[in-house]
Amino acid sequence: MARTAPAKGQGSSLSIKPLGVETWPAFADLIERHNGVWGGCWCVAFHTKSYRDPLLSHRDPKELLVRTDRAHAALVYDGTECVGWCQFGPRNELEAINRKRAYDKETAELPDWRITCFFVDKRYRHRGVARVALRGAVAEIAGLGGGLVESFPEDVTNRKTSSSFLYNGTTAMFEEQGFERGRQIGMHHWVMTRRVPATARAGARER
């Protein structure tokens, strides 16, 4: 069952659906409308290296991951059109992270889940879509059993940064959703975590 969440500052509401076989066409359409997203990434950059061959098209590997339930995302819909997403997954599903050397310098509790990236249709930016996507991802994780969730957002306090480069989201957005800062990795990025309790599913997932 699709859940709805109001877009901040908007009169209408947006719906959240999980990435799956049934939602793949709308997800793929969003990527194709933006020329593959980030130079043809197709949102596979944080998957294991075996799916990231730079000489191959990323569309087919991503579709295979989706069809075998090895790719997760909260998709934001406006009506029947997918207009954004927040990618998340178990730690072993999203092993390739940025700033790994800095990340590995300090021992910490390993997460159950990672939130790795956001993308918003260029027509919908600055309308709160990423916030809706993050809430959707947290709700999906809760429905999948919950646990310790980790992400690596960017602190943009007193800095001007193009929204097209904020694919990790911002620290302020994560703090609004109850995430806490841990250690800093890189000049502006932080490891942020939240322990999400499990919740019972209301109805069957849209798969």
N, C-alpha and C. Protein backbone atom coordinates (compact mmCIF):
# COMPACT_ATOMS: atom_id res chain seq x y z
N MET A 1 0.84 -1.19 0.00
CA MET A 1 0.00 0.00 0.00
C MET A 1 0.88 1.24 0.00
N ALA A 2 0.63 2.16 -0.89
CA ALA A 2 1.42 3.39 -0.97
C ALA A 2 1.10 4.28 0.20
N ARG A 3 2.12 4.87 0.80
CA ARG A 3 1.92 5.82 1.87
C ARG A 3 2.05 7.22 1.31
N THR A 4 1.38 8.18 1.93
CA THR A 4 1.47 9.56 1.47
C THR A 4 2.11 10.42 2.54
N ALA A 5 2.84 11.43 2.10
CA ALA A 5 3.46 12.36 3.03
C ALA A 5 3.47 13.73 2.38
N PRO A 6 3.06 14.76 3.11
CA PRO A 6 3.01 16.09 2.50
C PRO A 6 4.40 16.63 2.20
N ALA A 7 4.59 17.23 1.04
CA ALA A 7 5.84 17.89 0.71
C ALA A 7 5.89 19.22 1.45
N LYS A 8 6.98 19.47 2.13
CA LYS A 8 7.10 20.67 2.95
C LYS A 8 6.89 21.92 2.10
N GLY A 9 5.97 22.74 2.52
CA GLY A 9 5.73 23.99 1.82
C GLY A 9 4.82 23.85 0.62
N GLN A 10 4.24 22.65 0.40
CA GLN A 10 3.38 22.44 -0.75
C GLN A 10 1.97 22.11 -0.29
N GLY A 11 0.99 22.49 -1.12
CA GLY A 11 -0.39 22.22 -0.76
C GLY A 11 -0.81 20.80 -1.08
N SER A 12 -0.14 20.17 -2.03
CA SER A 12 -0.49 18.81 -2.42
C SER A 12 0.30 17.82 -1.59
N SER A 13 0.02 16.55 -1.74
CA SER A 13 0.78 15.52 -1.06
C SER A 13 1.44 14.61 -2.07
N LEU A 14 2.53 14.04 -1.67
CA LEU A 14 3.30 13.12 -2.49
C LEU A 14 3.20 11.73 -1.88
N SER A 15 3.24 10.71 -2.70
CA SER A 15 3.17 9.35 -2.18
C SER A 15 4.53 8.69 -2.23
N ILE A 16 4.71 7.74 -1.32
CA ILE A 16 5.96 6.98 -1.23
C ILE A 16 5.67 5.52 -1.58
N LYS A 17 6.47 4.98 -2.47
CA LYS A 17 6.38 3.56 -2.81
C LYS A 17 7.79 2.97 -2.78
N PRO A 18 7.92 1.70 -2.39
CA PRO A 18 9.24 1.08 -2.41
C PRO A 18 9.65 0.71 -3.83
N LEU A 19 10.94 0.78 -4.09
CA LEU A 19 11.47 0.31 -5.36
C LEU A 19 11.27 -1.20 -5.46
N GLY A 20 10.75 -1.64 -6.58
CA GLY A 20 10.50 -3.06 -6.80
C GLY A 20 10.15 -3.30 -8.26
N VAL A 21 9.75 -4.52 -8.55
CA VAL A 21 9.45 -4.88 -9.93
C VAL A 21 8.34 -4.00 -10.50
N GLU A 22 7.30 -3.74 -9.72
CA GLU A 22 6.18 -2.95 -10.22
C GLU A 22 6.52 -1.48 -10.39
N THR A 23 7.42 -0.97 -9.57
CA THR A 23 7.77 0.45 -9.65
C THR A 23 9.01 0.71 -10.49
N TRP A 24 9.66 -0.35 -10.94
CA TRP A 24 10.86 -0.20 -11.77
C TRP A 24 10.63 0.70 -12.99
N PRO A 25 9.55 0.53 -13.76
CA PRO A 25 9.39 1.38 -14.95
C PRO A 25 9.38 2.88 -14.63
N ALA A 26 8.71 3.27 -13.56
CA ALA A 26 8.65 4.69 -13.20
C ALA A 26 10.02 5.18 -12.72
N PHE A 27 10.73 4.35 -11.96
CA PHE A 27 12.08 4.67 -11.50
C PHE A 27 13.01 4.84 -12.70
N ALA A 28 12.96 3.89 -13.64
CA ALA A 28 13.80 3.94 -14.83
C ALA A 28 13.47 5.17 -15.68
N ASP A 29 12.20 5.52 -15.75
CA ASP A 29 11.79 6.69 -16.53
C ASP A 29 12.40 7.96 -15.95
N LEU A 30 12.42 8.07 -14.62
CA LEU A 30 13.03 9.24 -13.99
C LEU A 30 14.52 9.32 -14.34
N ILE A 31 15.21 8.20 -14.29
CA ILE A 31 16.64 8.21 -14.62
C ILE A 31 16.87 8.57 -16.08
N GLU A 32 16.06 7.99 -16.95
CA GLU A 32 16.23 8.27 -18.38
C GLU A 32 15.91 9.72 -18.72
N ARG A 33 14.98 10.34 -17.98
CA ARG A 33 14.67 11.75 -18.20
C ARG A 33 15.87 12.64 -17.86
N HIS A 34 16.80 12.10 -17.07
CA HIS A 34 17.98 12.87 -16.64
C HIS A 34 19.27 12.23 -17.17
N ASN A 35 19.15 11.60 -18.33
CA ASN A 35 20.33 11.07 -19.05
C ASN A 35 21.18 10.12 -18.21
N GLY A 36 20.51 9.26 -17.46
CA GLY A 36 21.23 8.26 -16.68
C GLY A 36 21.62 8.68 -15.30
N VAL A 37 21.44 9.95 -14.96
CA VAL A 37 21.75 10.51 -13.64
C VAL A 37 23.26 10.43 -13.35
N TRP A 38 23.86 11.57 -13.11
CA TRP A 38 25.28 11.66 -12.77
C TRP A 38 26.15 10.90 -13.77
N GLY A 39 25.94 11.16 -15.05
CA GLY A 39 26.79 10.56 -16.07
C GLY A 39 26.54 9.08 -16.32
N GLY A 40 25.33 8.62 -16.08
CA GLY A 40 25.01 7.22 -16.34
C GLY A 40 25.16 6.31 -15.15
N CYS A 41 25.06 6.86 -13.95
CA CYS A 41 25.24 6.07 -12.72
C CYS A 41 24.16 5.01 -12.54
N TRP A 42 22.90 5.38 -12.86
CA TRP A 42 21.75 4.50 -12.64
C TRP A 42 21.66 4.04 -11.18
N CYS A 43 22.24 4.83 -10.28
CA CYS A 43 22.15 4.54 -8.85
C CYS A 43 22.74 3.17 -8.50
N VAL A 44 23.90 2.86 -9.10
CA VAL A 44 24.60 1.62 -8.73
C VAL A 44 25.95 1.89 -8.07
N ALA A 45 26.35 3.15 -7.96
CA ALA A 45 27.69 3.47 -7.51
C ALA A 45 28.02 2.94 -6.11
N PHE A 46 27.00 2.80 -5.26
CA PHE A 46 27.26 2.34 -3.90
C PHE A 46 27.04 0.84 -3.71
N HIS A 47 26.65 0.16 -4.79
CA HIS A 47 26.55 -1.29 -4.72
C HIS A 47 27.95 -1.89 -4.79
N THR A 48 28.04 -3.19 -4.58
CA THR A 48 29.34 -3.85 -4.59
C THR A 48 30.01 -3.68 -5.94
N LYS A 49 31.34 -3.76 -5.96
CA LYS A 49 32.12 -3.47 -7.15
C LYS A 49 31.75 -4.35 -8.34
N SER A 50 31.26 -5.55 -8.09
CA SER A 50 30.92 -6.46 -9.19
C SER A 50 29.82 -5.91 -10.08
N TYR A 51 29.08 -4.91 -9.58
CA TYR A 51 28.00 -4.31 -10.37
C TYR A 51 28.38 -2.94 -10.91
N ARG A 52 29.67 -2.56 -10.82
CA ARG A 52 30.04 -1.19 -11.16
C ARG A 52 31.10 -1.13 -12.26
N ASP A 53 31.10 -2.09 -13.18
CA ASP A 53 32.05 -2.08 -14.29
C ASP A 53 31.84 -0.82 -15.12
N PRO A 54 32.84 0.07 -15.20
CA PRO A 54 32.65 1.33 -15.92
C PRO A 54 32.49 1.16 -17.43
N LEU A 55 32.82 -0.01 -17.96
CA LEU A 55 32.70 -0.25 -19.40
C LEU A 55 31.33 -0.75 -19.80
N LEU A 56 30.49 -1.03 -18.82
CA LEU A 56 29.17 -1.58 -19.11
C LEU A 56 28.08 -0.57 -18.79
N SER A 57 26.95 -0.70 -19.47
CA SER A 57 25.79 0.10 -19.13
C SER A 57 25.30 -0.33 -17.75
N HIS A 58 24.90 0.64 -16.94
CA HIS A 58 24.46 0.33 -15.58
C HIS A 58 22.97 0.02 -15.50
N ARG A 59 22.24 0.22 -16.57
CA ARG A 59 20.80 -0.01 -16.53
C ARG A 59 20.48 -1.47 -16.24
N ASP A 60 21.06 -2.37 -17.02
CA ASP A 60 20.76 -3.80 -16.86
C ASP A 60 21.18 -4.34 -15.49
N PRO A 61 22.39 -4.02 -15.01
CA PRO A 61 22.75 -4.48 -13.66
C PRO A 61 21.80 -3.97 -12.58
N LYS A 62 21.37 -2.69 -12.71
CA LYS A 62 20.45 -2.16 -11.71
C LYS A 62 19.11 -2.88 -11.77
N GLU A 63 18.61 -3.13 -12.97
CA GLU A 63 17.34 -3.83 -13.09
C GLU A 63 17.44 -5.24 -12.51
N LEU A 64 18.58 -5.91 -12.74
CA LEU A 64 18.77 -7.25 -12.16
C LEU A 64 18.74 -7.19 -10.64
N LEU A 65 19.40 -6.20 -10.06
CA LEU A 65 19.39 -6.05 -8.60
C LEU A 65 17.98 -5.84 -8.08
N VAL A 66 17.21 -5.02 -8.79
CA VAL A 66 15.84 -4.76 -8.37
C VAL A 66 15.00 -6.03 -8.46
N ARG A 67 15.12 -6.75 -9.56
CA ARG A 67 14.29 -7.93 -9.78
C ARG A 67 14.66 -9.09 -8.87
N THR A 68 15.86 -9.06 -8.29
CA THR A 68 16.28 -10.10 -7.35
C THR A 68 16.28 -9.58 -5.91
N ASP A 69 15.59 -8.45 -5.69
CA ASP A 69 15.39 -7.88 -4.35
C ASP A 69 16.71 -7.57 -3.66
N ARG A 70 17.66 -7.03 -4.44
CA ARG A 70 18.95 -6.63 -3.89
C ARG A 70 19.21 -5.14 -4.07
N ALA A 71 18.14 -4.38 -4.28
CA ALA A 71 18.23 -2.92 -4.36
C ALA A 71 16.99 -2.34 -3.69
N HIS A 72 17.19 -1.34 -2.85
CA HIS A 72 16.10 -0.75 -2.09
C HIS A 72 16.11 0.76 -2.23
N ALA A 73 14.94 1.34 -2.29
CA ALA A 73 14.81 2.80 -2.30
C ALA A 73 13.38 3.16 -1.97
N ALA A 74 13.22 4.33 -1.37
CA ALA A 74 11.90 4.92 -1.19
C ALA A 74 11.69 5.88 -2.36
N LEU A 75 10.72 5.59 -3.21
CA LEU A 75 10.44 6.41 -4.37
C LEU A 75 9.35 7.42 -4.05
N VAL A 76 9.55 8.65 -4.46
CA VAL A 76 8.56 9.71 -4.25
C VAL A 76 7.78 9.89 -5.55
N TYR A 77 6.45 9.82 -5.45
CA TYR A 77 5.58 9.96 -6.61
C TYR A 77 4.75 11.23 -6.49
N ASP A 78 4.57 11.88 -7.63
CA ASP A 78 3.55 12.91 -7.79
C ASP A 78 2.54 12.34 -8.77
N GLY A 79 1.44 11.86 -8.28
CA GLY A 79 0.50 11.12 -9.12
C GLY A 79 1.11 9.80 -9.54
N THR A 80 1.22 9.58 -10.84
CA THR A 80 1.79 8.32 -11.34
C THR A 80 3.25 8.47 -11.74
N GLU A 81 3.82 9.65 -11.53
CA GLU A 81 5.18 9.93 -11.97
C GLU A 81 6.14 9.92 -10.80
N CYS A 82 7.24 9.17 -10.94
CA CYS A 82 8.29 9.15 -9.93
C CYS A 82 9.13 10.42 -10.08
N VAL A 83 9.28 11.17 -8.97
CA VAL A 83 9.97 12.46 -9.04
C VAL A 83 11.17 12.53 -8.11
N GLY A 84 11.50 11.45 -7.44
CA GLY A 84 12.67 11.45 -6.57
C GLY A 84 12.82 10.14 -5.85
N TRP A 85 13.97 9.98 -5.20
CA TRP A 85 14.18 8.76 -4.41
C TRP A 85 15.21 9.00 -3.32
N CYS A 86 15.19 8.08 -2.37
CA CYS A 86 16.23 7.94 -1.36
C CYS A 86 16.65 6.47 -1.37
N GLN A 87 17.90 6.22 -1.73
CA GLN A 87 18.39 4.84 -1.75
C GLN A 87 18.86 4.41 -0.36
N PHE A 88 18.47 3.21 0.04
CA PHE A 88 18.92 2.63 1.30
C PHE A 88 19.11 1.14 1.09
N GLY A 89 19.71 0.47 2.04
CA GLY A 89 19.85 -0.98 1.94
C GLY A 89 20.67 -1.52 3.09
N PRO A 90 20.67 -2.84 3.27
CA PRO A 90 21.54 -3.45 4.27
C PRO A 90 23.00 -3.11 3.97
N ARG A 91 23.82 -3.13 4.99
CA ARG A 91 25.23 -2.75 4.82
C ARG A 91 25.92 -3.56 3.72
N ASN A 92 25.66 -4.86 3.66
CA ASN A 92 26.35 -5.68 2.65
C ASN A 92 25.79 -5.49 1.25
N GLU A 93 24.68 -4.77 1.12
CA GLU A 93 24.12 -4.45 -0.19
C GLU A 93 24.74 -3.18 -0.75
N LEU A 94 25.18 -2.30 0.15
CA LEU A 94 25.76 -1.01 -0.23
C LEU A 94 27.14 -0.88 0.41
N GLU A 95 28.07 -1.69 -0.07
CA GLU A 95 29.40 -1.76 0.54
C GLU A 95 30.32 -0.62 0.11
N ALA A 96 30.12 -0.11 -1.09
CA ALA A 96 31.04 0.89 -1.63
C ALA A 96 30.63 2.28 -1.17
N ILE A 97 31.34 2.83 -0.21
CA ILE A 97 31.02 4.16 0.31
C ILE A 97 32.15 5.13 0.00
N ASN A 98 31.82 6.40 -0.09
CA ASN A 98 32.85 7.42 -0.28
C ASN A 98 33.59 7.68 1.03
N ARG A 99 34.82 8.17 0.91
CA ARG A 99 35.66 8.52 2.07
C ARG A 99 35.87 7.32 2.98
N LYS A 100 36.06 6.15 2.37
CA LYS A 100 36.17 4.91 3.15
C LYS A 100 37.42 4.90 4.03
N ARG A 101 38.51 5.50 3.55
CA ARG A 101 39.74 5.51 4.35
C ARG A 101 39.51 6.26 5.66
N ALA A 102 38.86 7.42 5.56
CA ALA A 102 38.56 8.18 6.78
C ALA A 102 37.55 7.44 7.64
N TYR A 103 36.60 6.80 7.01
CA TYR A 103 35.57 6.04 7.73
C TYR A 103 36.21 4.91 8.54
N ASP A 104 37.18 4.22 7.94
CA ASP A 104 37.78 3.05 8.57
C ASP A 104 38.80 3.40 9.66
N LYS A 105 39.16 4.67 9.78
CA LYS A 105 40.17 5.05 10.76
C LYS A 105 39.70 4.87 12.19
N GLU A 106 38.40 4.96 12.39
CA GLU A 106 37.86 4.89 13.75
C GLU A 106 36.88 3.73 13.85
N THR A 107 37.08 2.90 14.83
CA THR A 107 36.20 1.75 15.03
C THR A 107 34.89 2.22 15.66
N ALA A 108 33.79 1.76 15.10
CA ALA A 108 32.48 2.10 15.64
C ALA A 108 31.54 0.94 15.38
N GLU A 109 30.38 0.99 16.01
CA GLU A 109 29.38 -0.05 15.79
C GLU A 109 28.96 -0.04 14.33
N LEU A 110 29.00 -1.19 13.69
CA LEU A 110 28.61 -1.28 12.29
C LEU A 110 27.10 -1.19 12.17
N PRO A 111 26.62 -0.52 11.14
CA PRO A 111 25.18 -0.34 10.99
C PRO A 111 24.51 -1.58 10.41
N ASP A 112 23.21 -1.67 10.61
CA ASP A 112 22.41 -2.68 9.93
C ASP A 112 22.02 -2.20 8.53
N TRP A 113 21.83 -0.87 8.41
CA TRP A 113 21.35 -0.26 7.16
C TRP A 113 22.18 0.97 6.84
N ARG A 114 22.25 1.27 5.54
CA ARG A 114 22.86 2.52 5.09
C ARG A 114 21.89 3.27 4.19
N ILE A 115 21.88 4.57 4.33
CA ILE A 115 21.21 5.46 3.39
C ILE A 115 22.33 6.16 2.62
N THR A 116 22.35 5.97 1.30
CA THR A 116 23.52 6.40 0.54
C THR A 116 23.30 7.60 -0.37
N CYS A 117 22.12 7.76 -0.95
CA CYS A 117 21.99 8.86 -1.89
C CYS A 117 20.53 9.24 -2.14
N PHE A 118 20.39 10.47 -2.62
CA PHE A 118 19.09 11.03 -2.99
C PHE A 118 19.18 11.54 -4.42
N PHE A 119 18.03 11.53 -5.08
CA PHE A 119 17.94 12.23 -6.36
C PHE A 119 16.54 12.79 -6.49
N VAL A 120 16.46 14.03 -7.01
CA VAL A 120 15.17 14.70 -7.19
C VAL A 120 15.09 15.23 -8.61
N ASP A 121 13.97 14.98 -9.27
CA ASP A 121 13.72 15.51 -10.59
C ASP A 121 14.00 17.02 -10.58
N LYS A 122 14.67 17.51 -11.60
CA LYS A 122 15.07 18.93 -11.62
C LYS A 122 13.87 19.87 -11.55
N ARG A 123 12.69 19.40 -11.95
CA ARG A 123 11.50 20.25 -11.88
C ARG A 123 10.96 20.37 -10.45
N TYR A 124 11.41 19.48 -9.56
CA TYR A 124 10.83 19.41 -8.21
C TYR A 124 11.82 19.80 -7.12
N ARG A 125 12.97 20.32 -7.48
CA ARG A 125 13.96 20.67 -6.46
C ARG A 125 13.52 21.88 -5.66
N HIS A 126 14.00 21.94 -4.41
CA HIS A 126 13.66 23.02 -3.47
C HIS A 126 12.18 22.99 -3.08
N ARG A 127 11.58 21.81 -3.14
CA ARG A 127 10.17 21.68 -2.76
C ARG A 127 9.97 20.63 -1.66
N GLY A 128 11.06 20.23 -1.00
CA GLY A 128 10.94 19.30 0.11
C GLY A 128 10.85 17.84 -0.27
N VAL A 129 11.13 17.50 -1.54
CA VAL A 129 11.01 16.11 -1.98
C VAL A 129 12.01 15.20 -1.27
N ALA A 130 13.24 15.68 -1.09
CA ALA A 130 14.26 14.85 -0.42
C ALA A 130 13.85 14.53 1.01
N ARG A 131 13.24 15.49 1.70
CA ARG A 131 12.78 15.23 3.06
C ARG A 131 11.70 14.15 3.07
N VAL A 132 10.78 14.23 2.11
CA VAL A 132 9.74 13.21 2.01
C VAL A 132 10.38 11.85 1.74
N ALA A 133 11.38 11.82 0.87
CA ALA A 133 12.06 10.56 0.53
C ALA A 133 12.77 9.97 1.75
N LEU A 134 13.40 10.83 2.55
CA LEU A 134 14.09 10.34 3.76
C LEU A 134 13.10 9.75 4.74
N ARG A 135 11.97 10.44 4.96
CA ARG A 135 10.95 9.89 5.85
C ARG A 135 10.45 8.54 5.32
N GLY A 136 10.29 8.46 4.01
CA GLY A 136 9.85 7.20 3.42
C GLY A 136 10.86 6.09 3.62
N ALA A 137 12.14 6.40 3.47
CA ALA A 137 13.19 5.39 3.65
C ALA A 137 13.22 4.88 5.09
N VAL A 138 13.10 5.80 6.05
CA VAL A 138 13.08 5.39 7.46
C VAL A 138 11.87 4.50 7.74
N ALA A 139 10.73 4.85 7.17
CA ALA A 139 9.53 4.02 7.36
C ALA A 139 9.71 2.64 6.73
N GLU A 140 10.33 2.59 5.56
CA GLU A 140 10.59 1.30 4.91
C GLU A 140 11.52 0.45 5.77
N ILE A 141 12.57 1.06 6.30
CA ILE A 141 13.52 0.32 7.14
C ILE A 141 12.82 -0.21 8.38
N ALA A 142 11.96 0.59 8.98
CA ALA A 142 11.21 0.14 10.15
C ALA A 142 10.36 -1.07 9.80
N GLY A 143 9.72 -1.03 8.64
CA GLY A 143 8.88 -2.14 8.22
C GLY A 143 9.66 -3.39 7.84
N LEU A 144 10.94 -3.22 7.55
CA LEU A 144 11.79 -4.35 7.20
C LEU A 144 12.57 -4.88 8.40
N GLY A 145 12.23 -4.42 9.59
CA GLY A 145 12.86 -4.96 10.79
C GLY A 145 13.61 -3.96 11.62
N GLY A 146 13.88 -2.76 11.06
CA GLY A 146 14.56 -1.72 11.82
C GLY A 146 16.01 -2.06 12.12
N GLY A 147 16.61 -1.26 12.99
CA GLY A 147 18.00 -1.45 13.35
C GLY A 147 18.77 -0.14 13.29
N LEU A 148 20.08 -0.24 13.38
CA LEU A 148 20.93 0.94 13.34
C LEU A 148 21.12 1.38 11.90
N VAL A 149 20.75 2.65 11.62
CA VAL A 149 20.83 3.20 10.27
C VAL A 149 21.93 4.26 10.23
N GLU A 150 22.71 4.22 9.17
CA GLU A 150 23.86 5.11 9.03
C GLU A 150 23.79 5.84 7.70
N SER A 151 24.24 7.10 7.70
CA SER A 151 24.35 7.84 6.45
C SER A 151 25.49 8.85 6.58
N PHE A 152 25.78 9.55 5.47
CA PHE A 152 26.96 10.41 5.41
C PHE A 152 26.62 11.78 4.80
N PRO A 153 25.67 12.50 5.38
CA PRO A 153 25.25 13.77 4.80
C PRO A 153 26.31 14.87 4.94
N GLU A 154 26.02 15.97 4.26
CA GLU A 154 26.96 17.10 4.19
C GLU A 154 26.43 18.27 5.00
N ASP A 155 27.32 18.90 5.76
CA ASP A 155 26.98 20.10 6.52
C ASP A 155 27.16 21.31 5.59
N VAL A 156 26.06 21.98 5.31
CA VAL A 156 26.12 23.15 4.42
C VAL A 156 25.87 24.45 5.18
N THR A 157 26.04 24.43 6.49
CA THR A 157 25.82 25.62 7.30
C THR A 157 26.74 26.76 6.85
N ASN A 158 26.14 27.90 6.56
CA ASN A 158 26.88 29.09 6.13
C ASN A 158 27.69 28.87 4.85
N ARG A 159 27.23 27.93 4.02
CA ARG A 159 27.89 27.68 2.73
C ARG A 159 26.84 27.58 1.65
N LYS A 160 27.16 28.05 0.47
CA LYS A 160 26.30 27.89 -0.68
C LYS A 160 26.77 26.69 -1.48
N THR A 161 25.88 25.72 -1.67
CA THR A 161 26.22 24.50 -2.39
C THR A 161 25.09 24.18 -3.35
N SER A 162 25.43 23.83 -4.57
CA SER A 162 24.42 23.48 -5.56
C SER A 162 23.68 22.22 -5.12
N SER A 163 22.36 22.23 -5.22
CA SER A 163 21.57 21.07 -4.81
C SER A 163 21.90 19.84 -5.64
N SER A 164 22.40 20.04 -6.85
CA SER A 164 22.73 18.90 -7.71
C SER A 164 23.91 18.10 -7.18
N PHE A 165 24.70 18.69 -6.27
CA PHE A 165 25.84 17.98 -5.68
C PHE A 165 25.53 17.39 -4.31
N LEU A 166 24.34 17.64 -3.79
CA LEU A 166 24.01 17.17 -2.44
C LEU A 166 23.35 15.80 -2.49
N TYR A 167 23.99 14.87 -3.15
CA TYR A 167 23.38 13.55 -3.30
C TYR A 167 23.38 12.76 -2.00
N ASN A 168 24.16 13.16 -1.01
CA ASN A 168 24.12 12.53 0.32
C ASN A 168 23.10 13.18 1.24
N GLY A 169 22.47 14.28 0.80
CA GLY A 169 21.58 15.02 1.68
C GLY A 169 22.37 15.92 2.61
N THR A 170 21.67 16.63 3.48
CA THR A 170 22.32 17.57 4.40
C THR A 170 22.17 17.10 5.85
N THR A 171 23.11 17.52 6.68
CA THR A 171 23.04 17.16 8.10
C THR A 171 21.77 17.71 8.74
N ALA A 172 21.36 18.90 8.35
CA ALA A 172 20.15 19.50 8.93
C ALA A 172 18.93 18.64 8.63
N MET A 173 18.83 18.13 7.41
CA MET A 173 17.69 17.29 7.04
C MET A 173 17.66 16.00 7.87
N PHE A 174 18.82 15.42 8.08
CA PHE A 174 18.89 14.19 8.88
C PHE A 174 18.60 14.47 10.35
N GLU A 175 19.08 15.59 10.85
CA GLU A 175 18.80 15.95 12.25
C GLU A 175 17.30 16.13 12.46
N GLU A 176 16.60 16.67 11.49
CA GLU A 176 15.15 16.81 11.59
C GLU A 176 14.47 15.45 11.75
N GLN A 177 15.10 14.40 11.22
CA GLN A 177 14.53 13.06 11.29
C GLN A 177 15.11 12.23 12.43
N GLY A 178 15.78 12.89 13.37
CA GLY A 178 16.24 12.21 14.57
C GLY A 178 17.61 11.56 14.48
N PHE A 179 18.35 11.82 13.43
CA PHE A 179 19.71 11.28 13.32
C PHE A 179 20.67 12.15 14.13
N GLU A 180 21.72 11.51 14.65
CA GLU A 180 22.71 12.22 15.45
C GLU A 180 24.08 12.13 14.80
N ARG A 181 24.84 13.20 14.95
CA ARG A 181 26.18 13.22 14.39
C ARG A 181 27.11 12.32 15.20
N GLY A 182 27.97 11.61 14.47
CA GLY A 182 29.03 10.83 15.09
C GLY A 182 30.35 11.52 14.79
N ARG A 183 31.15 10.88 13.94
CA ARG A 183 32.44 11.46 13.59
C ARG A 183 32.38 12.14 12.22
N GLN A 184 33.30 13.06 12.02
CA GLN A 184 33.40 13.78 10.76
C GLN A 184 34.32 13.02 9.83
N ILE A 185 33.91 12.88 8.56
CA ILE A 185 34.77 12.26 7.55
C ILE A 185 34.82 13.22 6.36
N GLY A 186 35.98 13.68 6.02
CA GLY A 186 36.09 14.69 4.99
C GLY A 186 35.85 16.06 5.57
N MET A 187 35.89 17.07 4.70
CA MET A 187 35.81 18.44 5.16
C MET A 187 34.43 18.81 5.70
N HIS A 188 33.38 18.30 5.05
CA HIS A 188 32.03 18.71 5.44
C HIS A 188 31.07 17.56 5.71
N HIS A 189 31.49 16.33 5.51
CA HIS A 189 30.60 15.19 5.67
C HIS A 189 30.74 14.56 7.06
N TRP A 190 29.61 14.06 7.55
CA TRP A 190 29.55 13.46 8.87
C TRP A 190 28.91 12.07 8.79
N VAL A 191 29.37 11.19 9.66
CA VAL A 191 28.65 9.92 9.87
C VAL A 191 27.51 10.23 10.84
N MET A 192 26.29 9.98 10.42
CA MET A 192 25.13 10.21 11.27
C MET A 192 24.34 8.92 11.41
N THR A 193 23.81 8.68 12.58
CA THR A 193 23.12 7.42 12.84
C THR A 193 21.80 7.64 13.57
N ARG A 194 20.93 6.67 13.43
CA ARG A 194 19.67 6.64 14.17
C ARG A 194 19.27 5.19 14.34
N ARG A 195 18.84 4.84 15.51
CA ARG A 195 18.33 3.48 15.73
C ARG A 195 16.82 3.50 15.49
N VAL A 196 16.39 2.77 14.49
CA VAL A 196 14.99 2.77 14.06
C VAL A 196 14.31 1.51 14.57
N PRO A 197 13.25 1.64 15.35
CA PRO A 197 12.54 0.45 15.84
C PRO A 197 11.73 -0.20 14.73
N ALA A 198 11.54 -1.49 14.85
CA ALA A 198 10.73 -2.22 13.87
C ALA A 198 9.27 -1.88 14.06
N THR A 199 8.54 -1.85 12.95
CA THR A 199 7.10 -1.66 13.01
C THR A 199 6.43 -2.73 12.18
N ALA A 200 5.19 -3.04 12.53
CA ALA A 200 4.43 -4.03 11.77
C ALA A 200 3.99 -3.43 10.46
N ARG A 201 4.01 -4.23 9.41
CA ARG A 201 3.55 -3.78 8.09
C ARG A 201 2.03 -3.66 8.07
N ALA A 202 1.55 -2.57 7.52
CA ALA A 202 0.09 -2.40 7.32
C ALA A 202 -0.23 -2.78 5.89
N GLY A 203 -0.57 -4.04 5.68
CA GLY A 203 -0.87 -4.49 4.31
C GLY A 203 0.36 -4.98 3.61
N ALA A 204 0.19 -5.49 2.43
CA ALA A 204 1.29 -6.04 1.66
C ALA A 204 2.09 -4.92 1.02
N ARG A 205 3.39 -5.15 0.86
CA ARG A 205 4.24 -4.19 0.17
C ARG A 205 3.90 -4.19 -1.32
N GLU A 206 4.12 -3.04 -1.93
CA GLU A 206 3.91 -2.95 -3.39
C GLU A 206 5.17 -3.42 -4.06
N ARG A 207 5.19 -4.67 -4.48
CA ARG A 207 6.35 -5.27 -5.11
C ARG A 207 5.97 -5.77 -6.48
